[in-house]
């Protein structure tokens, strides 16, 4: 039973690392495309956002109600989907730009560098918290092994 708890703790931490890594990759993609005025669709780049959801266990909840000896333990997090932010594009006056309209305005991506940097810091801190969780679990296991000496 202790082994199962140990591995599930590591697995939960690993799901957090994977999810936050994808979030950081998506934020990096947003930052890289901050000035992309034309994609394959002919429109400016649309900011992408990662949506997380709880990773569910394979055991139906009704079994937990029927058998009180079972422990309800989470299974971590997973990426539900990556969605495009549907906020409006920014209009910037730049009559010399090749994508400028008749009035000289260019539609720019809906990416805000400040927001992306704040999200990157948040994702980095979450990633670090998951690393700390995994290291703490490993440390507890090592301490438990030393008790038997």
N, C-alpha and C. Protein backbone atom coordinates (compact mmCIF):
# COMPACT_ATOMS: atom_id res chain seq x y z
N UNK A 1 0.83 -1.20 0.00
CA UNK A 1 0.00 0.00 0.00
C UNK A 1 0.87 1.26 0.00
N UNK A 2 1.99 1.24 0.72
CA UNK A 2 2.88 2.39 0.76
C UNK A 2 3.53 2.58 -0.61
N UNK A 3 3.89 1.49 -1.27
CA UNK A 3 4.50 1.57 -2.60
C UNK A 3 3.52 2.24 -3.57
N UNK A 4 2.25 1.85 -3.52
CA UNK A 4 1.26 2.42 -4.42
C UNK A 4 1.14 3.94 -4.21
N UNK A 5 1.13 4.38 -2.94
CA UNK A 5 1.05 5.80 -2.64
C UNK A 5 2.28 6.54 -3.14
N UNK A 6 3.43 5.89 -3.03
CA UNK A 6 4.68 6.48 -3.49
C UNK A 6 4.64 6.71 -4.99
N UNK A 7 4.27 5.67 -5.74
CA UNK A 7 4.24 5.79 -7.19
C UNK A 7 3.14 6.73 -7.67
N UNK A 8 2.01 6.73 -6.98
CA UNK A 8 0.95 7.65 -7.42
C UNK A 8 1.36 9.10 -7.15
N UNK A 9 2.09 9.35 -6.08
CA UNK A 9 2.59 10.71 -5.82
C UNK A 9 3.56 11.15 -6.91
N UNK A 10 4.44 10.25 -7.32
CA UNK A 10 5.37 10.58 -8.40
C UNK A 10 4.63 10.79 -9.71
N UNK A 11 3.62 9.96 -9.96
CA UNK A 11 2.86 10.08 -11.20
C UNK A 11 2.08 11.40 -11.25
N UNK A 12 1.49 11.78 -10.13
CA UNK A 12 0.75 13.05 -10.09
C UNK A 12 1.70 14.22 -10.36
N UNK A 13 2.86 14.18 -9.73
CA UNK A 13 3.86 15.24 -9.98
C UNK A 13 4.30 15.26 -11.43
N UNK A 14 4.45 14.07 -12.03
CA UNK A 14 4.87 13.99 -13.43
C UNK A 14 3.81 14.56 -14.37
N UNK A 15 2.52 14.35 -14.04
CA UNK A 15 1.47 14.92 -14.89
C UNK A 15 1.51 16.45 -14.82
N UNK A 16 1.81 16.98 -13.63
CA UNK A 16 1.94 18.43 -13.49
C UNK A 16 3.10 18.97 -14.29
N UNK A 17 4.23 18.25 -14.28
CA UNK A 17 5.39 18.69 -15.06
C UNK A 17 5.07 18.71 -16.55
N UNK A 18 4.43 17.66 -17.02
CA UNK A 18 4.08 17.56 -18.44
C UNK A 18 3.12 18.67 -18.85
N UNK A 19 2.10 18.91 -18.04
CA UNK A 19 1.10 19.93 -18.36
C UNK A 19 1.73 21.32 -18.37
N UNK A 20 2.56 21.63 -17.38
CA UNK A 20 3.17 22.96 -17.32
C UNK A 20 4.20 23.15 -18.42
N UNK A 21 4.88 22.07 -18.83
CA UNK A 21 5.82 22.18 -19.93
C UNK A 21 5.09 22.56 -21.22
N UNK A 22 3.93 21.92 -21.47
CA UNK A 22 3.14 22.27 -22.65
C UNK A 22 2.64 23.71 -22.55
N UNK A 23 2.26 24.12 -21.36
CA UNK A 23 1.82 25.51 -21.17
C UNK A 23 2.94 26.49 -21.49
N UNK A 24 4.17 26.19 -21.04
CA UNK A 24 5.31 27.06 -21.34
C UNK A 24 5.62 27.06 -22.83
N UNK A 25 5.49 25.90 -23.49
CA UNK A 25 5.71 25.83 -24.94
C UNK A 25 4.69 26.70 -25.68
N UNK A 26 3.44 26.65 -25.24
CA UNK A 26 2.38 27.43 -25.88
C UNK A 26 2.61 28.92 -25.68
N UNK A 27 3.01 29.30 -24.48
CA UNK A 27 3.31 30.71 -24.21
C UNK A 27 4.48 31.17 -25.07
N UNK A 28 5.50 30.33 -25.21
CA UNK A 28 6.65 30.67 -26.06
C UNK A 28 6.22 30.86 -27.51
N UNK A 29 5.30 30.02 -27.97
CA UNK A 29 4.78 30.16 -29.33
C UNK A 29 4.04 31.49 -29.49
N UNK A 30 3.26 31.86 -28.47
CA UNK A 30 2.56 33.15 -28.51
C UNK A 30 3.55 34.31 -28.61
N UNK A 31 4.59 34.27 -27.78
CA UNK A 31 5.59 35.34 -27.78
C UNK A 31 6.32 35.39 -29.13
N UNK A 32 6.64 34.23 -29.68
CA UNK A 32 7.36 34.19 -30.96
C UNK A 32 6.53 34.78 -32.09
N UNK A 33 5.21 34.71 -31.98
CA UNK A 33 4.33 35.19 -33.05
C UNK A 33 3.68 36.54 -32.74
N UNK A 34 4.26 37.31 -31.85
CA UNK A 34 3.67 38.58 -31.44
C UNK A 34 3.54 39.56 -32.61
N UNK A 35 4.36 39.42 -33.63
CA UNK A 35 4.31 40.33 -34.77
C UNK A 35 3.89 39.64 -36.07
N UNK A 36 3.35 38.44 -35.98
CA UNK A 36 2.94 37.69 -37.17
C UNK A 36 1.59 38.21 -37.65
N UNK A 37 1.62 38.92 -38.76
CA UNK A 37 0.40 39.53 -39.28
C UNK A 37 -0.30 38.65 -40.31
N UNK A 38 0.35 37.59 -40.76
CA UNK A 38 -0.26 36.75 -41.78
C UNK A 38 0.10 35.28 -41.52
N UNK A 39 -0.93 34.48 -41.26
CA UNK A 39 -0.75 33.03 -41.10
C UNK A 39 -1.18 32.34 -42.40
N UNK A 40 -1.24 31.03 -42.39
CA UNK A 40 -1.68 30.28 -43.57
C UNK A 40 -3.10 30.66 -43.98
N UNK A 41 -3.92 31.06 -42.99
CA UNK A 41 -5.31 31.47 -43.26
C UNK A 41 -5.40 32.88 -43.82
N UNK A 42 -4.29 33.62 -43.79
CA UNK A 42 -4.30 35.00 -44.25
C UNK A 42 -4.67 35.99 -43.16
N UNK A 43 -4.88 35.52 -41.95
CA UNK A 43 -5.23 36.38 -40.82
C UNK A 43 -4.03 36.50 -39.87
N UNK A 44 -4.05 37.47 -38.98
CA UNK A 44 -2.99 37.55 -37.98
C UNK A 44 -3.02 36.32 -37.06
N UNK A 45 -1.90 36.08 -36.40
CA UNK A 45 -1.79 34.97 -35.45
C UNK A 45 -2.77 35.19 -34.30
N UNK A 46 -3.45 34.12 -33.88
CA UNK A 46 -4.32 34.18 -32.70
C UNK A 46 -3.62 33.52 -31.52
N UNK A 47 -3.64 34.22 -30.41
CA UNK A 47 -3.07 33.72 -29.16
C UNK A 47 -3.71 32.39 -28.79
N UNK A 48 -2.88 31.47 -28.30
CA UNK A 48 -3.37 30.16 -27.87
C UNK A 48 -3.29 30.05 -26.35
N UNK A 49 -4.26 29.34 -25.77
CA UNK A 49 -4.34 29.16 -24.32
C UNK A 49 -4.55 27.67 -24.04
N UNK A 50 -3.82 27.16 -23.04
CA UNK A 50 -3.94 25.77 -22.64
C UNK A 50 -5.02 25.65 -21.58
N UNK A 51 -5.90 24.66 -21.74
CA UNK A 51 -6.97 24.41 -20.78
C UNK A 51 -6.66 23.08 -20.08
N UNK A 52 -6.58 23.14 -18.75
CA UNK A 52 -6.30 21.94 -17.95
C UNK A 52 -7.58 21.36 -17.39
N UNK A 53 -7.53 20.07 -17.07
CA UNK A 53 -8.61 19.42 -16.35
C UNK A 53 -8.01 18.35 -15.45
N UNK A 54 -8.76 17.99 -14.43
CA UNK A 54 -8.31 16.95 -13.52
C UNK A 54 -8.26 15.62 -14.27
N UNK A 55 -7.18 14.89 -14.07
CA UNK A 55 -7.07 13.56 -14.66
C UNK A 55 -7.83 12.61 -13.76
N UNK A 56 -8.84 11.99 -14.32
CA UNK A 56 -9.70 11.14 -13.49
C UNK A 56 -9.12 9.75 -13.33
N UNK A 57 -9.54 9.10 -12.25
CA UNK A 57 -9.14 7.72 -12.01
C UNK A 57 -10.03 6.80 -12.81
N UNK A 58 -9.59 5.57 -12.99
CA UNK A 58 -10.37 4.60 -13.74
C UNK A 58 -11.52 4.03 -12.91
N UNK A 59 -11.45 4.18 -11.60
CA UNK A 59 -12.47 3.64 -10.72
C UNK A 59 -13.69 4.56 -10.69
N UNK A 60 -14.88 4.04 -10.97
CA UNK A 60 -16.08 4.89 -10.89
C UNK A 60 -16.32 5.36 -9.47
N UNK A 61 -16.86 6.57 -9.34
CA UNK A 61 -17.08 7.16 -8.03
C UNK A 61 -18.03 6.32 -7.18
N UNK A 62 -18.99 5.63 -7.82
CA UNK A 62 -19.95 4.82 -7.07
C UNK A 62 -19.27 3.71 -6.27
N UNK A 63 -18.12 3.23 -6.76
CA UNK A 63 -17.38 2.20 -6.00
C UNK A 63 -16.82 2.76 -4.71
N UNK A 64 -16.46 4.04 -4.71
CA UNK A 64 -15.98 4.67 -3.48
C UNK A 64 -17.11 4.78 -2.46
N UNK A 65 -18.32 4.99 -2.93
CA UNK A 65 -19.47 5.09 -2.03
C UNK A 65 -19.84 3.72 -1.46
N UNK A 66 -19.71 2.67 -2.26
CA UNK A 66 -20.07 1.32 -1.82
C UNK A 66 -19.02 0.68 -0.93
N UNK A 67 -17.76 1.03 -1.10
CA UNK A 67 -16.68 0.42 -0.34
C UNK A 67 -15.89 1.53 0.36
N UNK A 68 -16.16 1.73 1.64
CA UNK A 68 -15.54 2.85 2.38
C UNK A 68 -14.05 2.63 2.63
N UNK A 69 -13.52 1.41 2.39
CA UNK A 69 -12.10 1.17 2.62
C UNK A 69 -11.25 1.73 1.48
N UNK A 70 -11.86 2.03 0.34
CA UNK A 70 -11.11 2.59 -0.78
C UNK A 70 -10.81 4.06 -0.49
N UNK A 71 -9.63 4.46 -0.87
CA UNK A 71 -9.21 5.84 -0.67
C UNK A 71 -9.40 6.61 -1.97
N UNK A 72 -9.96 7.80 -1.87
CA UNK A 72 -10.14 8.66 -3.03
C UNK A 72 -8.88 9.51 -3.20
N UNK A 73 -8.09 9.16 -4.20
CA UNK A 73 -6.84 9.85 -4.46
C UNK A 73 -6.89 10.39 -5.88
N UNK A 74 -6.44 11.59 -6.07
CA UNK A 74 -6.42 12.18 -7.40
C UNK A 74 -5.41 11.49 -8.29
N UNK A 75 -5.54 11.72 -9.57
CA UNK A 75 -4.63 11.12 -10.53
C UNK A 75 -3.79 12.17 -11.25
N UNK A 76 -3.91 13.42 -10.85
CA UNK A 76 -3.09 14.46 -11.45
C UNK A 76 -3.88 15.40 -12.34
N UNK A 77 -3.21 15.90 -13.35
CA UNK A 77 -3.79 16.88 -14.27
C UNK A 77 -3.47 16.46 -15.69
N UNK A 78 -4.31 16.89 -16.61
CA UNK A 78 -4.01 16.67 -18.02
C UNK A 78 -4.49 17.88 -18.81
N UNK A 79 -3.96 17.99 -20.01
CA UNK A 79 -4.36 19.08 -20.89
C UNK A 79 -5.64 18.64 -21.59
N UNK A 80 -6.71 19.40 -21.39
CA UNK A 80 -7.98 19.09 -22.04
C UNK A 80 -7.91 19.49 -23.51
N UNK A 81 -7.38 20.67 -23.77
CA UNK A 81 -7.27 21.16 -25.14
C UNK A 81 -6.46 22.45 -25.15
N UNK A 82 -6.05 22.82 -26.33
CA UNK A 82 -5.42 24.12 -26.55
C UNK A 82 -6.37 24.90 -27.44
N UNK A 83 -6.82 26.05 -26.94
CA UNK A 83 -7.84 26.84 -27.67
C UNK A 83 -7.25 28.17 -28.11
N UNK A 84 -7.86 28.73 -29.13
CA UNK A 84 -7.47 30.06 -29.59
C UNK A 84 -8.25 31.11 -28.82
N UNK A 85 -7.56 32.16 -28.43
CA UNK A 85 -8.18 33.29 -27.75
C UNK A 85 -8.95 34.09 -28.80
N UNK A 86 -10.24 34.25 -28.61
CA UNK A 86 -11.09 34.89 -29.61
C UNK A 86 -11.22 36.41 -29.43
N UNK A 87 -10.37 37.01 -28.61
CA UNK A 87 -10.44 38.47 -28.47
C UNK A 87 -10.03 39.13 -29.79
N UNK A 88 -10.43 40.36 -29.94
CA UNK A 88 -10.19 41.08 -31.20
C UNK A 88 -8.70 41.33 -31.43
N UNK A 89 -8.35 41.41 -32.71
CA UNK A 89 -6.98 41.77 -33.06
C UNK A 89 -6.76 43.24 -32.75
N UNK A 90 -5.51 43.62 -32.54
CA UNK A 90 -5.16 45.02 -32.32
C UNK A 90 -4.96 45.69 -33.67
N UNK A 91 -5.39 46.93 -33.78
CA UNK A 91 -5.16 47.71 -35.01
C UNK A 91 -4.07 48.72 -34.73
N UNK A 92 -3.05 48.71 -35.57
CA UNK A 92 -1.91 49.60 -35.42
C UNK A 92 -1.76 50.40 -36.72
N UNK A 93 -1.55 51.70 -36.58
CA UNK A 93 -1.37 52.54 -37.76
C UNK A 93 0.06 52.39 -38.27
N UNK A 94 0.20 51.81 -39.45
CA UNK A 94 1.50 51.61 -40.08
C UNK A 94 1.28 51.53 -41.59
N UNK A 95 1.12 52.69 -42.24
CA UNK A 95 0.77 52.69 -43.66
C UNK A 95 1.82 52.05 -44.57
N UNK A 96 3.05 51.93 -44.13
CA UNK A 96 4.10 51.32 -44.94
C UNK A 96 4.14 49.79 -44.86
N UNK A 97 3.37 49.23 -43.97
CA UNK A 97 3.37 47.76 -43.79
C UNK A 97 2.66 47.09 -44.97
N UNK A 98 3.18 45.96 -45.45
CA UNK A 98 2.55 45.29 -46.60
C UNK A 98 1.12 44.80 -46.33
N UNK A 99 0.77 44.59 -45.07
CA UNK A 99 -0.58 44.12 -44.73
C UNK A 99 -1.52 45.24 -44.30
N UNK A 100 -1.11 46.50 -44.52
CA UNK A 100 -1.95 47.64 -44.12
C UNK A 100 -3.18 47.73 -45.02
N UNK A 101 -4.30 48.15 -44.42
CA UNK A 101 -5.52 48.35 -45.22
C UNK A 101 -5.47 49.72 -45.90
N UNK A 102 -6.57 50.11 -46.56
CA UNK A 102 -6.62 51.37 -47.29
C UNK A 102 -6.37 52.58 -46.40
N UNK A 103 -6.73 52.47 -45.14
CA UNK A 103 -6.56 53.59 -44.19
C UNK A 103 -5.20 53.57 -43.50
N UNK A 104 -4.38 52.56 -43.78
CA UNK A 104 -3.03 52.48 -43.21
C UNK A 104 -2.95 51.68 -41.92
N UNK A 105 -4.03 51.00 -41.53
CA UNK A 105 -4.03 50.21 -40.30
C UNK A 105 -3.70 48.74 -40.58
N UNK A 106 -2.94 48.15 -39.68
CA UNK A 106 -2.56 46.74 -39.77
C UNK A 106 -3.19 46.01 -38.59
N UNK A 107 -3.82 44.88 -38.87
CA UNK A 107 -4.33 44.03 -37.77
C UNK A 107 -3.16 43.22 -37.22
N UNK A 108 -2.93 43.38 -35.92
CA UNK A 108 -1.83 42.68 -35.26
C UNK A 108 -2.41 41.57 -34.39
N UNK A 109 -1.60 40.56 -34.06
CA UNK A 109 -2.08 39.47 -33.21
C UNK A 109 -2.61 39.96 -31.87
N UNK A 110 -3.48 39.17 -31.26
CA UNK A 110 -4.06 39.53 -29.95
C UNK A 110 -3.17 39.05 -28.81
N UNK A 111 -1.87 39.10 -29.01
CA UNK A 111 -0.89 38.67 -28.02
C UNK A 111 -0.38 39.90 -27.28
N UNK A 112 -0.44 39.87 -25.95
CA UNK A 112 0.09 40.94 -25.12
C UNK A 112 1.33 40.39 -24.40
N UNK A 113 2.48 40.97 -24.70
CA UNK A 113 3.75 40.46 -24.14
C UNK A 113 3.72 40.43 -22.62
N UNK A 114 3.19 41.47 -21.99
CA UNK A 114 3.15 41.53 -20.52
C UNK A 114 2.35 40.35 -19.96
N UNK A 115 1.18 40.09 -20.54
CA UNK A 115 0.35 38.97 -20.09
C UNK A 115 1.08 37.65 -20.28
N UNK A 116 1.75 37.49 -21.41
CA UNK A 116 2.47 36.24 -21.69
C UNK A 116 3.63 36.04 -20.71
N UNK A 117 4.33 37.12 -20.37
CA UNK A 117 5.44 37.00 -19.43
C UNK A 117 4.94 36.64 -18.03
N UNK A 118 3.82 37.22 -17.62
CA UNK A 118 3.24 36.87 -16.32
C UNK A 118 2.81 35.41 -16.32
N UNK A 119 2.19 34.96 -17.42
CA UNK A 119 1.79 33.55 -17.51
C UNK A 119 3.00 32.63 -17.52
N UNK A 120 4.10 33.07 -18.15
CA UNK A 120 5.32 32.26 -18.17
C UNK A 120 5.90 32.12 -16.77
N UNK A 121 5.89 33.19 -16.00
CA UNK A 121 6.38 33.13 -14.61
C UNK A 121 5.50 32.19 -13.80
N UNK A 122 4.19 32.28 -13.98
CA UNK A 122 3.25 31.40 -13.28
C UNK A 122 3.49 29.93 -13.65
N UNK A 123 3.67 29.66 -14.93
CA UNK A 123 3.92 28.28 -15.38
C UNK A 123 5.25 27.76 -14.83
N UNK A 124 6.26 28.62 -14.81
CA UNK A 124 7.57 28.23 -14.28
C UNK A 124 7.47 27.90 -12.79
N UNK A 125 6.74 28.72 -12.04
CA UNK A 125 6.57 28.47 -10.60
C UNK A 125 5.80 27.17 -10.36
N UNK A 126 4.78 26.92 -11.17
CA UNK A 126 4.02 25.68 -11.03
C UNK A 126 4.89 24.48 -11.36
N UNK A 127 5.73 24.61 -12.38
CA UNK A 127 6.65 23.54 -12.75
C UNK A 127 7.61 23.26 -11.59
N UNK A 128 8.16 24.32 -11.01
CA UNK A 128 9.08 24.19 -9.88
C UNK A 128 8.38 23.55 -8.67
N UNK A 129 7.12 23.89 -8.44
CA UNK A 129 6.37 23.29 -7.33
C UNK A 129 6.20 21.79 -7.53
N UNK A 130 5.97 21.37 -8.77
CA UNK A 130 5.85 19.95 -9.05
C UNK A 130 7.18 19.23 -8.88
N UNK A 131 8.28 19.87 -9.26
CA UNK A 131 9.61 19.29 -9.03
C UNK A 131 9.85 19.14 -7.53
N UNK A 132 9.48 20.14 -6.75
CA UNK A 132 9.64 20.07 -5.30
C UNK A 132 8.81 18.94 -4.72
N UNK A 133 7.61 18.76 -5.22
CA UNK A 133 6.75 17.66 -4.77
C UNK A 133 7.39 16.31 -5.03
N UNK A 134 7.94 16.14 -6.22
CA UNK A 134 8.60 14.87 -6.56
C UNK A 134 9.83 14.66 -5.69
N UNK A 135 10.63 15.70 -5.50
CA UNK A 135 11.82 15.58 -4.66
C UNK A 135 11.47 15.28 -3.21
N UNK A 136 10.40 15.86 -2.71
CA UNK A 136 9.95 15.59 -1.34
C UNK A 136 9.50 14.15 -1.20
N UNK A 137 8.79 13.65 -2.19
CA UNK A 137 8.36 12.25 -2.17
C UNK A 137 9.56 11.32 -2.17
N UNK A 138 10.56 11.62 -2.99
CA UNK A 138 11.78 10.79 -3.02
C UNK A 138 12.50 10.85 -1.67
N UNK A 139 12.56 12.05 -1.09
CA UNK A 139 13.24 12.21 0.19
C UNK A 139 12.53 11.42 1.30
N UNK A 140 11.20 11.43 1.28
CA UNK A 140 10.44 10.67 2.28
C UNK A 140 10.69 9.17 2.13
N UNK A 141 10.78 8.72 0.91
CA UNK A 141 11.04 7.29 0.66
C UNK A 141 12.43 6.92 1.16
N UNK A 142 13.40 7.78 0.95
CA UNK A 142 14.76 7.51 1.43
C UNK A 142 14.82 7.48 2.95
N UNK A 143 14.11 8.40 3.60
CA UNK A 143 14.05 8.41 5.06
C UNK A 143 13.39 7.14 5.59
N UNK A 144 12.36 6.68 4.89
CA UNK A 144 11.66 5.45 5.30
C UNK A 144 12.58 4.25 5.18
N UNK A 145 13.42 4.21 4.17
CA UNK A 145 14.37 3.11 4.01
C UNK A 145 15.44 3.12 5.09
N UNK A 146 15.81 4.32 5.56
CA UNK A 146 16.84 4.44 6.60
C UNK A 146 16.33 4.00 7.96
N UNK A 147 15.01 3.99 8.15
CA UNK A 147 14.45 3.58 9.44
C UNK A 147 14.79 2.12 9.73
N UNK A 148 14.82 1.30 8.72
CA UNK A 148 15.08 -0.14 8.89
C UNK A 148 16.53 -0.47 9.17
N UNK A 149 17.43 0.48 9.10
CA UNK A 149 18.86 0.19 9.33
C UNK A 149 19.17 0.04 10.79
